[in-house]
Amino acid sequence: MSLRSLLGSTLLPRNEAHILMAYALDKHFRLPRSTLVSRDEMELRGLALEEWQSLESRRLNGEPVAYLIGKRGFHKIELRVAPGVLIPRPETELLVDIALQEIKRIEGNIKHPKILDLGTGSGAIALAIANEASNTQVVATDQSTEALSIAKSNANYLGLEKQVQLAQGSWYEALSEDQVFDVILSNPPYIANQDPHLNQGDLRFEPIDALTDHSTGLSCLEIIIMGGLKHLKSGGLIAVEHGYDQSDAVAGLMSAAGLGDIQIHYDLASHPRVVSARK
């Protein structure tokens, strides 16, 4: 069958079908995505056809596109992703933007700002910041050795392995007692354990420990906020991503920790998505 007929008959959304077909064409023929338009009469046969049919079937069964093609774009970089890490999402780019704004604010006084990314997963936040701000020193932690392996391969792929230090451990346990930072960031598990979204869409295939704290959704956020006092420089900024209905609770945790200049930041869908504060 031709590319045109295969894409015209699939039950997948058009954009997803094009991404998966382009992946199959690149893998088997090293052909660019433009082939879908410039050579849409091309017949797909053999292993390439089997690849497309497998990708189509797996996506129709719910597997995330990012896992099927093994990569995801995030804030000007491309990351390798696999089922062992959370798929980076556009709303998390807000954390990167907040950090970059703070780096720009302090770089006149601090030559090499120190940034901490807690629970780095694929390395998305840490690597996006390092890619944009070459003067920074970034530490990225994760409890999962599988996640750190993927983050390391992404750092090597992007040529940022010397700028981003990876450390294994649960939150601040991965650090030495005396490590302090200008900016602390985290996108921790914040979905409550009984939330029905965990059984819907792409979330069904993502690592459960990266999605929920198996409690109220606030336990990891509380650990990060309270522990941040010890590892944040005076005047330093801490910013955490949270669920759409958690901003008041997170701001309350920031206030209870004695942090000041508490601000709520909104994502592109106008949902409260990040709370930041200063020591």
Protein backbone atom coordinates (compact mmCIF):
# COMPACT_ATOMS: atom_id res chain seq x y z
CA MET A 1 0.00 0.00 0.00
CA SER A 2 1.10 3.57 -0.63
CA LEU A 3 1.95 6.03 2.12
CA ARG A 4 -1.11 8.02 1.11
CA SER A 5 -3.49 5.09 1.47
CA LEU A 6 -1.95 3.89 4.74
CA LEU A 7 -2.17 7.33 6.32
CA GLY A 8 -5.65 7.87 4.90
CA SER A 9 -7.04 4.66 6.35
CA THR A 10 -5.52 4.69 9.85
CA LEU A 11 -7.65 5.38 12.92
CA LEU A 12 -4.82 7.35 14.50
CA PRO A 13 -4.97 11.16 14.75
CA ARG A 14 -3.25 12.70 11.73
CA ASN A 15 -0.32 14.21 13.64
CA GLU A 16 0.44 10.95 15.48
CA ALA A 17 0.21 8.90 12.29
CA HIS A 18 2.67 11.23 10.55
CA ILE A 19 5.15 11.06 13.45
CA LEU A 20 5.08 7.25 13.51
CA MET A 21 5.25 6.88 9.73
CA ALA A 22 8.17 9.33 9.56
CA TYR A 23 9.95 7.25 12.21
CA ALA A 24 9.47 4.07 10.16
CA LEU A 25 10.73 5.78 6.98
CA ASP A 26 13.81 7.15 8.74
CA LYS A 27 14.60 3.84 10.43
CA HIS A 28 14.34 1.67 7.32
CA PHE A 29 15.18 4.03 4.43
CA ARG A 30 16.83 7.09 6.06
CA LEU A 31 14.16 9.19 4.38
CA PRO A 32 13.09 12.58 5.82
CA ARG A 33 9.59 13.40 7.04
CA SER A 34 9.01 15.51 3.92
CA THR A 35 8.71 12.18 2.06
CA LEU A 36 5.16 11.93 3.43
CA VAL A 37 4.25 14.82 1.12
CA SER A 38 6.78 14.71 -1.70
CA ARG A 39 6.55 10.95 -2.29
CA ASP A 40 3.20 9.98 -0.82
CA GLU A 41 2.65 7.49 -3.67
CA MET A 42 5.62 5.44 -2.42
CA GLU A 43 4.74 1.81 -1.67
CA LEU A 44 5.58 0.57 1.81
CA ARG A 45 6.61 -3.09 1.85
CA GLY A 46 8.42 -5.73 3.89
CA LEU A 47 9.97 -4.80 7.22
CA ALA A 48 9.01 -1.13 6.88
CA LEU A 49 5.32 -2.06 6.46
CA GLU A 50 5.55 -4.43 9.43
CA GLU A 51 7.14 -1.64 11.47
CA TRP A 52 4.33 0.77 10.62
CA GLN A 53 1.64 -1.81 11.41
CA SER A 54 3.27 -2.59 14.77
CA LEU A 55 3.59 1.10 15.69
CA GLU A 56 0.01 1.77 14.61
CA SER A 57 -1.35 -1.15 16.63
CA ARG A 58 0.65 -0.32 19.76
CA ARG A 59 -0.43 3.32 19.67
CA LEU A 60 -4.07 2.33 19.19
CA ASN A 61 -3.62 0.20 22.32
CA GLY A 62 -2.51 3.32 24.18
CA GLU A 63 1.29 3.21 24.24
CA PRO A 64 2.72 6.77 24.26
CA VAL A 65 4.18 8.03 20.98
CA ALA A 66 7.34 9.16 22.80
CA TYR A 67 8.05 5.62 23.99
CA LEU A 68 7.33 4.17 20.54
CA ILE A 69 9.87 6.39 18.80
CA GLY A 70 12.18 6.69 21.81
CA LYS A 71 12.47 10.47 21.92
CA ARG A 72 10.70 13.69 22.86
CA GLY A 73 11.38 17.36 22.18
CA PHE A 74 11.65 19.65 25.20
CA HIS A 75 12.63 23.33 25.40
CA LYS A 76 14.97 23.46 22.35
CA ILE A 77 16.53 20.03 22.97
CA GLU A 78 15.63 16.46 22.01
CA LEU A 79 15.71 13.79 24.68
CA ARG A 80 15.86 10.02 24.61
CA VAL A 81 12.95 8.61 26.60
CA ALA A 82 11.96 5.09 27.57
CA PRO A 83 9.36 3.49 29.88
CA GLY A 84 11.75 3.94 32.84
CA VAL A 85 11.26 7.73 32.87
CA LEU A 86 8.41 10.21 32.80
CA ILE A 87 7.72 11.72 29.37
CA PRO A 88 8.71 15.43 29.50
CA ARG A 89 5.70 17.70 29.05
CA PRO A 90 5.36 21.25 27.70
CA GLU A 91 4.04 22.58 31.02
CA THR A 92 7.30 21.57 32.73
CA GLU A 93 9.15 24.00 30.44
CA LEU A 94 7.75 26.67 32.77
CA LEU A 95 10.25 25.53 35.43
CA VAL A 96 13.08 25.96 32.93
CA ASP A 97 11.88 29.46 32.00
CA ILE A 98 11.68 30.50 35.66
CA ALA A 99 15.20 29.21 36.28
CA LEU A 100 16.64 30.94 33.21
CA GLN A 101 15.05 34.22 34.28
CA GLU A 102 16.63 33.87 37.74
CA ILE A 103 20.02 32.97 36.24
CA LYS A 104 19.88 36.10 34.10
CA ARG A 105 18.96 38.17 37.17
CA ILE A 106 21.91 37.00 39.27
CA GLU A 107 24.63 36.38 36.67
CA GLY A 108 26.07 39.88 37.14
CA ASN A 109 26.89 38.99 40.74
CA ILE A 110 27.42 35.23 40.48
CA LYS A 111 29.77 34.00 37.77
CA HIS A 112 28.66 30.36 37.82
CA PRO A 113 25.14 29.96 39.26
CA LYS A 114 24.57 26.56 40.89
CA ILE A 115 21.34 24.82 39.94
CA LEU A 116 19.77 21.70 41.48
CA ASP A 117 17.20 19.54 39.67
CA LEU A 118 15.60 17.03 42.04
CA GLY A 119 14.09 13.90 40.47
CA THR A 120 15.56 14.59 37.05
CA GLY A 121 14.15 11.57 35.17
CA SER A 122 15.36 11.86 31.58
CA GLY A 123 17.38 14.93 32.57
CA ALA A 124 14.94 17.28 30.83
CA ILE A 125 15.02 20.25 33.22
CA ALA A 126 18.74 20.07 34.02
CA LEU A 127 19.83 19.62 30.41
CA ALA A 128 17.51 22.29 29.03
CA ILE A 129 18.97 24.80 31.50
CA ALA A 130 22.56 23.75 30.80
CA ASN A 131 21.89 24.02 27.07
CA GLU A 132 20.63 27.59 27.41
CA ALA A 133 22.95 28.83 30.17
CA SER A 134 26.49 27.56 29.63
CA ASN A 135 27.77 29.44 32.70
CA THR A 136 25.74 27.30 35.11
CA GLN A 137 26.83 24.34 37.22
CA VAL A 138 23.94 21.87 37.36
CA VAL A 139 23.40 18.92 39.71
CA ALA A 140 20.62 16.49 38.80
CA THR A 141 19.46 13.77 41.19
CA ASP A 142 17.19 10.77 40.94
CA GLN A 143 16.46 7.72 43.07
CA SER A 144 16.13 5.52 39.98
CA THR A 145 19.35 4.14 38.50
CA GLU A 146 17.43 3.44 35.27
CA ALA A 147 16.42 7.10 35.03
CA LEU A 148 19.98 8.25 35.69
CA SER A 149 21.25 5.95 32.95
CA ILE A 150 18.87 7.60 30.49
CA ALA A 151 19.78 11.08 31.76
CA LYS A 152 23.47 10.26 31.34
CA SER A 153 22.97 9.14 27.75
CA ASN A 154 21.05 12.36 27.05
CA ALA A 155 23.81 14.45 28.61
CA ASN A 156 26.40 12.69 26.46
CA TYR A 157 24.28 13.05 23.32
CA LEU A 158 23.88 16.79 23.91
CA GLY A 159 27.54 17.28 24.87
CA LEU A 160 26.59 18.52 28.34
CA GLU A 161 28.09 15.74 30.44
CA LYS A 162 30.77 18.04 31.90
CA GLN A 163 28.27 20.72 32.91
CA VAL A 164 25.63 18.45 34.47
CA GLN A 165 26.58 16.26 37.43
CA LEU A 166 24.28 13.29 38.10
CA ALA A 167 23.77 11.91 41.61
CA GLN A 168 21.75 8.91 42.80
CA GLY A 169 19.53 9.11 45.88
CA SER A 170 16.13 10.13 47.23
CA TRP A 171 15.80 13.90 46.96
CA TYR A 172 18.46 15.65 49.09
CA GLU A 173 19.97 12.33 50.21
CA ALA A 174 21.91 12.34 46.93
CA LEU A 175 23.82 15.45 48.06
CA SER A 176 26.58 16.13 50.52
CA GLU A 177 25.63 18.02 53.67
CA ASP A 178 27.37 21.24 52.62
CA GLN A 179 26.09 21.56 49.03
CA VAL A 180 24.10 24.78 48.49
CA PHE A 181 22.47 26.20 45.36
CA ASP A 182 21.23 29.44 43.87
CA VAL A 183 18.19 27.70 42.37
CA ILE A 184 16.42 24.46 43.36
CA LEU A 185 13.87 22.97 40.96
CA SER A 186 11.70 19.88 40.95
CA ASN A 187 8.84 18.24 39.11
CA PRO A 188 8.08 15.55 41.70
CA PRO A 189 5.31 12.92 41.83
CA TYR A 190 2.25 14.98 42.80
CA ILE A 191 -0.77 12.93 41.70
CA ALA A 192 -2.77 11.50 44.62
CA ASN A 193 -2.80 7.71 44.77
CA GLN A 194 -6.54 7.35 44.05
CA ASP A 195 -6.64 9.86 41.18
CA PRO A 196 -8.50 8.30 38.21
CA HIS A 197 -6.08 9.95 35.74
CA LEU A 198 -3.48 7.32 36.68
CA ASN A 199 -5.59 4.76 34.79
CA GLN A 200 -6.11 6.92 31.70
CA GLY A 201 -4.15 7.76 28.54
CA ASP A 202 -0.35 7.82 28.46
CA LEU A 203 -0.11 7.76 32.26
CA ARG A 204 -1.00 4.05 32.26
CA PHE A 205 2.38 3.29 30.66
CA GLU A 206 4.61 5.69 32.60
CA PRO A 207 6.54 4.74 35.78
CA ILE A 208 4.04 4.94 38.64
CA ASP A 209 6.64 6.20 41.14
CA ALA A 210 7.31 9.23 38.92
CA LEU A 211 3.61 10.10 38.89
CA THR A 212 2.26 9.56 42.39
CA ASP A 213 3.65 9.67 45.91
CA HIS A 214 1.20 6.86 46.78
CA SER A 215 -0.37 9.28 49.25
CA THR A 216 -2.08 12.67 49.06
CA GLY A 217 0.10 14.02 46.25
CA LEU A 218 1.79 16.50 48.60
CA SER A 219 4.27 14.34 50.55
CA CYS A 220 7.18 14.67 48.09
CA LEU A 221 6.51 18.37 47.64
CA GLU A 222 6.68 18.83 51.42
CA ILE A 223 10.01 16.97 51.66
CA ILE A 224 11.47 19.09 48.84
CA ILE A 225 10.24 22.40 50.24
CA MET A 226 11.25 21.74 53.85
CA GLY A 227 14.61 20.22 52.87
CA GLY A 228 15.36 23.11 50.56
CA LEU A 229 16.15 25.44 53.44
CA LYS A 230 19.38 23.58 54.15
CA HIS A 231 20.59 23.49 50.55
CA LEU A 232 19.44 26.90 49.31
CA LYS A 233 21.65 29.96 49.48
CA SER A 234 20.32 33.05 51.24
CA GLY A 235 18.15 34.82 48.69
CA GLY A 236 18.08 31.69 46.54
CA LEU A 237 15.02 30.57 44.60
CA ILE A 238 13.10 27.30 44.89
CA ALA A 239 10.40 26.41 42.34
CA VAL A 240 8.28 23.24 42.17
CA GLU A 241 5.72 21.96 39.69
CA HIS A 242 2.38 20.79 41.11
CA GLY A 243 -1.10 19.66 40.13
CA TYR A 244 -3.70 22.10 38.78
CA ASP A 245 -5.55 22.21 42.13
CA GLN A 246 -2.55 22.20 44.51
CA SER A 247 -1.20 25.76 44.27
CA ASP A 248 -2.75 26.97 47.54
CA ALA A 249 -1.51 23.92 49.45
CA VAL A 250 2.01 24.25 48.00
CA ALA A 251 2.10 27.99 48.74
CA GLY A 252 1.06 27.09 52.29
CA LEU A 253 3.97 24.66 52.58
CA MET A 254 6.33 27.38 51.33
CA SER A 255 5.00 29.80 53.95
CA ALA A 256 5.22 27.19 56.72
CA ALA A 257 8.86 26.59 55.78
CA GLY A 258 9.60 30.26 56.37
CA LEU A 259 10.19 31.08 52.70
CA GLY A 260 9.29 34.48 51.29
CA ASP A 261 8.35 36.13 47.98
CA ILE A 262 5.93 33.28 47.26
CA GLN A 263 4.59 33.40 43.70
CA ILE A 264 2.20 31.23 41.68
CA HIS A 265 3.06 30.76 38.00
CA TYR A 266 0.60 29.72 35.27
CA ASP A 267 1.16 27.41 32.30
CA LEU A 268 0.07 28.11 28.71
CA ALA A 269 -3.38 26.67 29.46
CA SER A 270 -3.72 29.27 32.26
CA HIS A 271 -3.59 26.59 34.97
CA PRO A 272 -1.55 27.28 38.14
CA ARG A 273 1.42 24.97 37.58
CA VAL A 274 4.47 26.16 39.58
CA VAL A 275 4.99 27.85 42.95
CA SER A 276 8.28 29.63 43.62
CA ALA A 277 9.70 31.23 46.76
CA ARG A 278 12.94 32.60 48.20
CA LYS A 279 14.99 31.84 51.26
